[in-house]
Amino acid sequence: MKTLTEWFEEYSVSHKNMTNKQIHYICVPLIFFSVVGLFMSIPSNVLSPLASINPVLANWAFIVLLLVLLFYFRLSLVMGIKMTLFTSICLVGNYFISQHVSLVWFSIIVFTAGWIGQFYGHKIEGKKPSFIKDLQFLLIGPAWVIHSLFSTK
């Protein structure tokens, strides 16, 4: 099992160009946010009892994110906490967006724009996205962005 540092070192190999990094700092969180929105858009009568506790909890995104957070906590307690804060913002943000517009269409548009940006960044970088080598990099990307933007180095 790789450590968080090993994941970040390997991910960083294809993220050296400053323009590509800046694109990732914007697009990776947008993609993560939109995926949360897409999961929230899946109807679920099974989860309706959770709605009485809190409407943000009564969706598939909450269930999927619990599993995703296990991945982050397994790598690092601190990263798990940071990602819990970020995923909470994504859940609440998507909930509020869903009150005003079609969440599924909003999420599709943001997801598409995010991936266009990502692929453009990798074209500038001249290297393939890391997830082509290992799909786990789809989860490492958001942690790398949060680490990069908020580390105290």
N, C-alpha and C. Protein backbone atom coordinates (compact mmCIF):
# COMPACT_ATOMS: atom_id res chain seq x y z
N MET A 1 0.84 -1.19 0.00
CA MET A 1 0.00 0.00 0.00
C MET A 1 0.88 1.25 0.00
N LYS A 2 0.62 2.16 -0.94
CA LYS A 2 1.39 3.40 -1.03
C LYS A 2 0.99 4.36 0.08
N THR A 3 1.97 5.15 0.49
CA THR A 3 1.68 6.21 1.45
C THR A 3 1.14 7.42 0.69
N LEU A 4 0.58 8.37 1.41
CA LEU A 4 0.08 9.59 0.79
C LEU A 4 1.21 10.33 0.10
N THR A 5 2.37 10.38 0.72
CA THR A 5 3.53 11.05 0.12
C THR A 5 3.92 10.38 -1.19
N GLU A 6 3.90 9.07 -1.22
CA GLU A 6 4.24 8.35 -2.46
C GLU A 6 3.21 8.64 -3.55
N TRP A 7 1.95 8.67 -3.20
CA TRP A 7 0.91 9.01 -4.17
C TRP A 7 1.15 10.42 -4.73
N PHE A 8 1.41 11.38 -3.83
CA PHE A 8 1.63 12.76 -4.26
C PHE A 8 2.87 12.89 -5.15
N GLU A 9 3.94 12.19 -4.80
CA GLU A 9 5.15 12.24 -5.61
C GLU A 9 4.89 11.71 -7.01
N GLU A 10 4.17 10.60 -7.10
CA GLU A 10 3.87 10.02 -8.41
C GLU A 10 2.91 10.91 -9.20
N TYR A 11 1.94 11.49 -8.52
CA TYR A 11 0.98 12.38 -9.18
C TYR A 11 1.67 13.64 -9.69
N SER A 12 2.62 14.14 -8.93
CA SER A 12 3.32 15.37 -9.27
C SER A 12 4.16 15.26 -10.53
N VAL A 13 4.55 14.04 -10.90
CA VAL A 13 5.38 13.83 -12.09
C VAL A 13 4.72 14.42 -13.33
N SER A 14 3.40 14.30 -13.45
CA SER A 14 2.71 14.83 -14.63
C SER A 14 2.00 16.16 -14.32
N HIS A 15 2.47 16.83 -13.28
CA HIS A 15 1.89 18.12 -12.89
C HIS A 15 2.99 19.08 -12.45
N LYS A 16 3.91 19.35 -13.35
CA LYS A 16 5.04 20.26 -13.06
C LYS A 16 4.82 21.66 -13.64
N ASN A 17 4.17 21.73 -14.80
CA ASN A 17 3.95 23.00 -15.47
C ASN A 17 3.00 23.87 -14.64
N MET A 18 3.39 25.12 -14.38
CA MET A 18 2.60 25.99 -13.51
C MET A 18 1.19 26.25 -14.07
N THR A 19 1.06 26.40 -15.38
CA THR A 19 -0.27 26.61 -15.96
C THR A 19 -1.14 25.39 -15.75
N ASN A 20 -0.59 24.21 -15.97
CA ASN A 20 -1.33 22.98 -15.74
C ASN A 20 -1.74 22.87 -14.27
N LYS A 21 -0.83 23.21 -13.36
CA LYS A 21 -1.16 23.15 -11.93
C LYS A 21 -2.32 24.11 -11.61
N GLN A 22 -2.24 25.32 -12.15
CA GLN A 22 -3.30 26.30 -11.88
C GLN A 22 -4.64 25.82 -12.43
N ILE A 23 -4.61 25.22 -13.62
CA ILE A 23 -5.84 24.65 -14.19
C ILE A 23 -6.37 23.56 -13.26
N HIS A 24 -5.48 22.72 -12.75
CA HIS A 24 -5.90 21.65 -11.84
C HIS A 24 -6.48 22.21 -10.54
N TYR A 25 -5.91 23.30 -10.04
CA TYR A 25 -6.41 23.89 -8.79
C TYR A 25 -7.86 24.34 -8.94
N ILE A 26 -8.27 24.64 -10.17
CA ILE A 26 -9.66 25.04 -10.42
C ILE A 26 -10.50 23.84 -10.85
N CYS A 27 -10.00 23.10 -11.82
CA CYS A 27 -10.83 22.05 -12.45
C CYS A 27 -11.03 20.81 -11.59
N VAL A 28 -10.02 20.39 -10.83
CA VAL A 28 -10.18 19.19 -10.01
C VAL A 28 -11.29 19.38 -8.96
N PRO A 29 -11.29 20.48 -8.22
CA PRO A 29 -12.41 20.67 -7.28
C PRO A 29 -13.76 20.79 -7.99
N LEU A 30 -13.79 21.43 -9.16
CA LEU A 30 -15.04 21.53 -9.90
C LEU A 30 -15.55 20.15 -10.32
N ILE A 31 -14.65 19.29 -10.77
CA ILE A 31 -15.04 17.94 -11.17
C ILE A 31 -15.56 17.17 -9.97
N PHE A 32 -14.83 17.23 -8.86
CA PHE A 32 -15.25 16.54 -7.64
C PHE A 32 -16.64 17.03 -7.22
N PHE A 33 -16.81 18.37 -7.21
CA PHE A 33 -18.08 18.98 -6.84
C PHE A 33 -19.20 18.50 -7.75
N SER A 34 -18.92 18.44 -9.05
CA SER A 34 -19.95 18.02 -10.00
C SER A 34 -20.29 16.54 -9.86
N VAL A 35 -19.31 15.71 -9.54
CA VAL A 35 -19.59 14.29 -9.33
C VAL A 35 -20.49 14.12 -8.10
N VAL A 36 -20.22 14.89 -7.07
CA VAL A 36 -21.11 14.87 -5.90
C VAL A 36 -22.53 15.25 -6.33
N GLY A 37 -22.64 16.29 -7.15
CA GLY A 37 -23.95 16.70 -7.65
C GLY A 37 -24.64 15.62 -8.46
N LEU A 38 -23.87 14.92 -9.27
CA LEU A 38 -24.46 13.83 -10.06
C LEU A 38 -24.97 12.71 -9.17
N PHE A 39 -24.21 12.36 -8.14
CA PHE A 39 -24.69 11.33 -7.21
C PHE A 39 -25.91 11.82 -6.43
N MET A 40 -25.92 13.10 -6.10
CA MET A 40 -27.08 13.64 -5.39
C MET A 40 -28.33 13.63 -6.27
N SER A 41 -28.14 13.63 -7.57
CA SER A 41 -29.25 13.65 -8.51
C SER A 41 -29.93 12.30 -8.68
N ILE A 42 -29.31 11.26 -8.18
CA ILE A 42 -29.90 9.92 -8.30
C ILE A 42 -31.04 9.80 -7.28
N PRO A 43 -32.26 9.59 -7.75
CA PRO A 43 -33.38 9.47 -6.81
C PRO A 43 -33.22 8.25 -5.90
N SER A 44 -33.66 8.41 -4.66
CA SER A 44 -33.57 7.29 -3.75
C SER A 44 -34.64 7.35 -2.67
N ASN A 45 -35.63 6.52 -2.83
CA ASN A 45 -36.66 6.40 -1.80
C ASN A 45 -36.13 5.61 -0.61
N VAL A 46 -35.13 4.77 -0.85
CA VAL A 46 -34.54 3.94 0.20
C VAL A 46 -33.93 4.80 1.30
N LEU A 47 -33.38 5.93 0.92
CA LEU A 47 -32.69 6.78 1.89
C LEU A 47 -33.60 7.84 2.51
N SER A 48 -34.88 7.84 2.18
CA SER A 48 -35.77 8.88 2.68
C SER A 48 -35.86 9.00 4.20
N PRO A 49 -35.67 7.91 4.99
CA PRO A 49 -35.68 8.10 6.45
C PRO A 49 -34.58 9.06 6.93
N LEU A 50 -33.48 9.14 6.20
CA LEU A 50 -32.41 10.07 6.57
C LEU A 50 -32.83 11.52 6.39
N ALA A 51 -33.80 11.77 5.53
CA ALA A 51 -34.27 13.13 5.26
C ALA A 51 -34.85 13.77 6.51
N SER A 52 -35.43 12.96 7.41
CA SER A 52 -35.98 13.53 8.63
C SER A 52 -34.88 14.05 9.56
N ILE A 53 -33.67 13.48 9.41
CA ILE A 53 -32.52 13.95 10.20
C ILE A 53 -31.95 15.21 9.56
N ASN A 54 -31.67 15.10 8.25
CA ASN A 54 -31.10 16.22 7.51
C ASN A 54 -31.23 15.89 6.02
N PRO A 55 -31.80 16.80 5.21
CA PRO A 55 -32.00 16.49 3.79
C PRO A 55 -30.69 16.27 3.02
N VAL A 56 -29.60 16.83 3.49
CA VAL A 56 -28.30 16.65 2.83
C VAL A 56 -27.86 15.19 2.93
N LEU A 57 -28.27 14.48 3.98
CA LEU A 57 -27.86 13.10 4.18
C LEU A 57 -28.66 12.10 3.34
N ALA A 58 -29.83 12.50 2.86
CA ALA A 58 -30.73 11.57 2.18
C ALA A 58 -30.45 11.48 0.69
N ASN A 59 -29.22 11.13 0.34
CA ASN A 59 -28.88 10.99 -1.07
C ASN A 59 -27.70 10.04 -1.22
N TRP A 60 -27.51 9.57 -2.45
CA TRP A 60 -26.44 8.61 -2.73
C TRP A 60 -25.06 9.23 -2.58
N ALA A 61 -24.95 10.52 -2.80
CA ALA A 61 -23.64 11.17 -2.66
C ALA A 61 -23.11 11.00 -1.24
N PHE A 62 -23.96 11.15 -0.26
CA PHE A 62 -23.54 11.00 1.13
C PHE A 62 -22.99 9.61 1.38
N ILE A 63 -23.69 8.60 0.88
CA ILE A 63 -23.26 7.21 1.07
C ILE A 63 -21.92 6.95 0.35
N VAL A 64 -21.83 7.39 -0.91
CA VAL A 64 -20.59 7.19 -1.67
C VAL A 64 -19.43 7.93 -1.01
N LEU A 65 -19.68 9.15 -0.55
CA LEU A 65 -18.60 9.94 0.06
C LEU A 65 -18.11 9.32 1.37
N LEU A 66 -18.98 8.64 2.09
CA LEU A 66 -18.50 7.94 3.29
C LEU A 66 -17.44 6.91 2.91
N LEU A 67 -17.68 6.19 1.82
CA LEU A 67 -16.71 5.20 1.35
C LEU A 67 -15.43 5.88 0.85
N VAL A 68 -15.59 6.97 0.12
CA VAL A 68 -14.43 7.71 -0.40
C VAL A 68 -13.59 8.25 0.76
N LEU A 69 -14.25 8.74 1.79
CA LEU A 69 -13.52 9.27 2.94
C LEU A 69 -12.72 8.20 3.66
N LEU A 70 -13.19 6.96 3.64
CA LEU A 70 -12.41 5.86 4.21
C LEU A 70 -11.05 5.75 3.50
N PHE A 71 -11.05 5.93 2.18
CA PHE A 71 -9.82 5.91 1.40
C PHE A 71 -8.85 6.98 1.91
N TYR A 72 -9.35 8.21 2.11
CA TYR A 72 -8.49 9.31 2.57
C TYR A 72 -8.01 9.09 4.01
N PHE A 73 -8.89 8.66 4.88
CA PHE A 73 -8.49 8.42 6.27
C PHE A 73 -7.48 7.29 6.37
N ARG A 74 -7.57 6.32 5.47
CA ARG A 74 -6.61 5.22 5.45
C ARG A 74 -5.21 5.74 5.11
N LEU A 75 -5.16 6.77 4.28
CA LEU A 75 -3.87 7.35 3.88
C LEU A 75 -3.30 8.29 4.93
N SER A 76 -4.20 9.07 5.57
CA SER A 76 -3.74 10.07 6.54
C SER A 76 -4.92 10.64 7.31
N LEU A 77 -4.79 10.71 8.61
CA LEU A 77 -5.83 11.30 9.44
C LEU A 77 -6.06 12.76 9.06
N VAL A 78 -4.98 13.51 8.89
CA VAL A 78 -5.11 14.93 8.55
C VAL A 78 -5.77 15.11 7.19
N MET A 79 -5.35 14.31 6.20
CA MET A 79 -5.98 14.43 4.87
C MET A 79 -7.43 13.99 4.95
N GLY A 80 -7.74 13.00 5.75
CA GLY A 80 -9.12 12.57 5.93
C GLY A 80 -9.99 13.70 6.47
N ILE A 81 -9.45 14.43 7.42
CA ILE A 81 -10.19 15.57 8.00
C ILE A 81 -10.37 16.67 6.97
N LYS A 82 -9.29 16.99 6.24
CA LYS A 82 -9.39 18.02 5.20
C LYS A 82 -10.41 17.64 4.14
N MET A 83 -10.38 16.38 3.71
CA MET A 83 -11.32 15.94 2.69
C MET A 83 -12.75 15.86 3.23
N THR A 84 -12.90 15.59 4.51
CA THR A 84 -14.23 15.62 5.12
C THR A 84 -14.80 17.03 5.05
N LEU A 85 -13.97 18.02 5.34
CA LEU A 85 -14.43 19.41 5.24
C LEU A 85 -14.81 19.76 3.80
N PHE A 86 -13.95 19.36 2.86
CA PHE A 86 -14.23 19.66 1.45
C PHE A 86 -15.49 18.94 0.96
N THR A 87 -15.64 17.67 1.31
CA THR A 87 -16.83 16.94 0.87
C THR A 87 -18.10 17.51 1.51
N SER A 88 -17.98 17.99 2.73
CA SER A 88 -19.14 18.63 3.39
C SER A 88 -19.56 19.88 2.63
N ILE A 89 -18.57 20.66 2.21
CA ILE A 89 -18.86 21.86 1.41
C ILE A 89 -19.54 21.45 0.10
N CYS A 90 -19.04 20.38 -0.51
CA CYS A 90 -19.64 19.90 -1.76
C CYS A 90 -21.09 19.46 -1.57
N LEU A 91 -21.35 18.73 -0.51
CA LEU A 91 -22.72 18.28 -0.23
C LEU A 91 -23.67 19.45 0.00
N VAL A 92 -23.26 20.35 0.87
CA VAL A 92 -24.11 21.49 1.20
C VAL A 92 -24.27 22.40 -0.02
N GLY A 93 -23.17 22.66 -0.73
CA GLY A 93 -23.23 23.51 -1.92
C GLY A 93 -24.15 22.95 -2.98
N ASN A 94 -24.03 21.66 -3.23
CA ASN A 94 -24.91 21.02 -4.22
C ASN A 94 -26.37 21.03 -3.76
N TYR A 95 -26.59 20.86 -2.47
CA TYR A 95 -27.96 20.90 -1.96
C TYR A 95 -28.58 22.27 -2.25
N PHE A 96 -27.83 23.34 -1.98
CA PHE A 96 -28.37 24.68 -2.22
C PHE A 96 -28.56 24.95 -3.71
N ILE A 97 -27.64 24.48 -4.54
CA ILE A 97 -27.79 24.64 -5.99
C ILE A 97 -29.05 23.92 -6.46
N SER A 98 -29.30 22.72 -5.88
CA SER A 98 -30.47 21.93 -6.30
C SER A 98 -31.79 22.63 -5.98
N GLN A 99 -31.76 23.60 -5.07
CA GLN A 99 -32.97 24.33 -4.71
C GLN A 99 -33.32 25.40 -5.75
N HIS A 100 -32.36 25.69 -6.66
CA HIS A 100 -32.56 26.79 -7.60
C HIS A 100 -32.51 26.39 -9.07
N VAL A 101 -31.74 25.35 -9.39
CA VAL A 101 -31.62 24.92 -10.79
C VAL A 101 -31.62 23.39 -10.84
N SER A 102 -31.67 22.86 -12.05
CA SER A 102 -31.58 21.41 -12.22
C SER A 102 -30.17 20.98 -11.87
N LEU A 103 -30.03 20.24 -10.78
CA LEU A 103 -28.71 19.83 -10.32
C LEU A 103 -28.03 18.91 -11.32
N VAL A 104 -28.77 18.04 -11.95
CA VAL A 104 -28.15 17.11 -12.89
C VAL A 104 -27.55 17.87 -14.07
N TRP A 105 -28.27 18.84 -14.63
CA TRP A 105 -27.73 19.60 -15.76
C TRP A 105 -26.60 20.51 -15.33
N PHE A 106 -26.74 21.14 -14.20
CA PHE A 106 -25.65 21.97 -13.67
C PHE A 106 -24.39 21.12 -13.51
N SER A 107 -24.53 19.95 -12.93
CA SER A 107 -23.39 19.06 -12.70
C SER A 107 -22.77 18.57 -14.00
N ILE A 108 -23.58 18.25 -14.97
CA ILE A 108 -23.06 17.80 -16.27
C ILE A 108 -22.25 18.92 -16.93
N ILE A 109 -22.75 20.13 -16.87
CA ILE A 109 -22.04 21.27 -17.48
C ILE A 109 -20.71 21.52 -16.76
N VAL A 110 -20.73 21.53 -15.44
CA VAL A 110 -19.50 21.76 -14.67
C VAL A 110 -18.51 20.62 -14.89
N PHE A 111 -19.00 19.39 -14.89
CA PHE A 111 -18.16 18.22 -15.12
C PHE A 111 -17.47 18.31 -16.48
N THR A 112 -18.23 18.62 -17.50
CA THR A 112 -17.68 18.72 -18.86
C THR A 112 -16.64 19.84 -18.95
N ALA A 113 -16.97 21.00 -18.41
CA ALA A 113 -16.02 22.13 -18.44
C ALA A 113 -14.75 21.78 -17.68
N GLY A 114 -14.90 21.11 -16.55
CA GLY A 114 -13.74 20.72 -15.75
C GLY A 114 -12.81 19.78 -16.50
N TRP A 115 -13.39 18.80 -17.18
CA TRP A 115 -12.55 17.84 -17.92
C TRP A 115 -11.93 18.47 -19.16
N ILE A 116 -12.62 19.39 -19.80
CA ILE A 116 -12.01 20.10 -20.93
C ILE A 116 -10.77 20.85 -20.42
N GLY A 117 -10.92 21.52 -19.28
CA GLY A 117 -9.78 22.22 -18.68
C GLY A 117 -8.65 21.27 -18.33
N GLN A 118 -8.99 20.14 -17.74
CA GLN A 118 -7.97 19.15 -17.35
C GLN A 118 -7.16 18.68 -18.56
N PHE A 119 -7.87 18.30 -19.62
CA PHE A 119 -7.17 17.78 -20.80
C PHE A 119 -6.36 18.88 -21.48
N TYR A 120 -6.85 20.10 -21.46
CA TYR A 120 -6.07 21.22 -21.99
C TYR A 120 -4.79 21.40 -21.16
N GLY A 121 -4.91 21.33 -19.85
CA GLY A 121 -3.74 21.44 -18.97
C GLY A 121 -2.72 20.36 -19.26
N HIS A 122 -3.18 19.15 -19.49
CA HIS A 122 -2.25 18.06 -19.79
C HIS A 122 -1.64 18.19 -21.19
N LYS A 123 -2.37 18.84 -22.09
CA LYS A 123 -1.79 19.11 -23.41
C LYS A 123 -0.64 20.10 -23.23
N ILE A 124 -0.83 21.11 -22.41
CA ILE A 124 0.24 22.08 -22.12
C ILE A 124 1.42 21.36 -21.45
N GLU A 125 1.10 20.51 -20.50
CA GLU A 125 2.13 19.77 -19.74
C GLU A 125 2.89 18.81 -20.66
N GLY A 126 2.18 18.25 -21.62
CA GLY A 126 2.80 17.27 -22.52
C GLY A 126 2.86 15.88 -21.92
N LYS A 127 2.03 15.64 -20.90
CA LYS A 127 1.98 14.31 -20.26
C LYS A 127 0.54 13.90 -20.09
N LYS A 128 0.33 12.59 -20.10
CA LYS A 128 -1.01 12.04 -19.93
C LYS A 128 -1.47 12.21 -18.48
N PRO A 129 -2.79 12.31 -18.27
CA PRO A 129 -3.31 12.35 -16.90
C PRO A 129 -2.93 11.09 -16.13
N SER A 130 -2.66 11.25 -14.86
CA SER A 130 -2.22 10.13 -14.01
C SER A 130 -3.24 9.00 -13.93
N PHE A 131 -4.54 9.33 -13.99
CA PHE A 131 -5.56 8.29 -13.81
C PHE A 131 -5.53 7.26 -14.94
N ILE A 132 -4.88 7.58 -16.05
CA ILE A 132 -4.77 6.59 -17.13
C ILE A 132 -3.92 5.41 -16.66
N LYS A 133 -2.95 5.69 -15.80
CA LYS A 133 -2.10 4.64 -15.24
C LYS A 133 -2.82 3.88 -14.12
N ASP A 134 -3.55 4.60 -13.28
CA ASP A 134 -4.20 4.00 -12.11
C ASP A 134 -5.42 4.85 -11.75
N LEU A 135 -6.59 4.24 -11.75
CA LEU A 135 -7.82 4.98 -11.48
C LEU A 135 -7.87 5.60 -10.07
N GLN A 136 -7.05 5.10 -9.17
CA GLN A 136 -7.02 5.67 -7.82
C GLN A 136 -6.58 7.14 -7.84
N PHE A 137 -5.88 7.52 -8.92
CA PHE A 137 -5.46 8.92 -9.04
C PHE A 137 -6.65 9.86 -9.17
N LEU A 138 -7.83 9.33 -9.54
CA LEU A 138 -9.03 10.17 -9.56
C LEU A 138 -9.38 10.64 -8.14
N LEU A 139 -8.99 9.86 -7.14
CA LEU A 139 -9.18 10.27 -5.74
C LEU A 139 -7.97 11.02 -5.20
N ILE A 140 -6.80 10.74 -5.74
CA ILE A 140 -5.58 11.42 -5.29
C ILE A 140 -5.59 12.88 -5.75
N GLY A 141 -6.10 13.14 -6.95
CA GLY A 141 -6.12 14.50 -7.48
C GLY A 141 -6.72 15.53 -6.53
N PRO A 142 -7.93 15.31 -6.01
CA PRO A 142 -8.50 16.29 -5.08
C PRO A 142 -7.65 16.47 -3.81
N ALA A 143 -7.10 15.38 -3.30
CA ALA A 143 -6.25 15.48 -2.09
C ALA A 143 -4.98 16.26 -2.42
N TRP A 144 -4.40 16.03 -3.60
CA TRP A 144 -3.19 16.73 -4.02
C TRP A 144 -3.46 18.23 -4.13
N VAL A 145 -4.61 18.59 -4.69
CA VAL A 145 -4.96 20.01 -4.82
C VAL A 145 -5.10 20.64 -3.44
N ILE A 146 -5.83 19.98 -2.55
CA ILE A 146 -6.02 20.53 -1.20
C ILE A 146 -4.67 20.64 -0.49
N HIS A 147 -3.86 19.61 -0.61
CA HIS A 147 -2.53 19.62 -0.01
C HIS A 147 -1.69 20.77 -0.58
N SER A 148 -1.70 20.92 -1.90
CA SER A 148 -0.91 21.95 -2.57
C SER A 148 -1.35 23.35 -2.19
N LEU A 149 -2.66 23.56 -2.13
CA LEU A 149 -3.17 24.89 -1.86
C LEU A 149 -3.09 25.29 -0.38
N PHE A 150 -3.14 24.31 0.50
CA PHE A 150 -3.23 24.64 1.93
C PHE A 150 -2.07 24.11 2.77
N SER A 151 -1.01 23.63 2.13
CA SER A 151 0.14 23.16 2.93
C SER A 151 0.91 24.37 3.43
N THR A 152 1.57 24.19 4.54
CA THR A 152 2.30 25.29 5.19
C THR A 152 3.79 25.26 4.89
N LYS A 153 4.14 24.80 3.71
CA LYS A 153 5.56 24.74 3.32
C LYS A 153 6.09 26.12 3.04
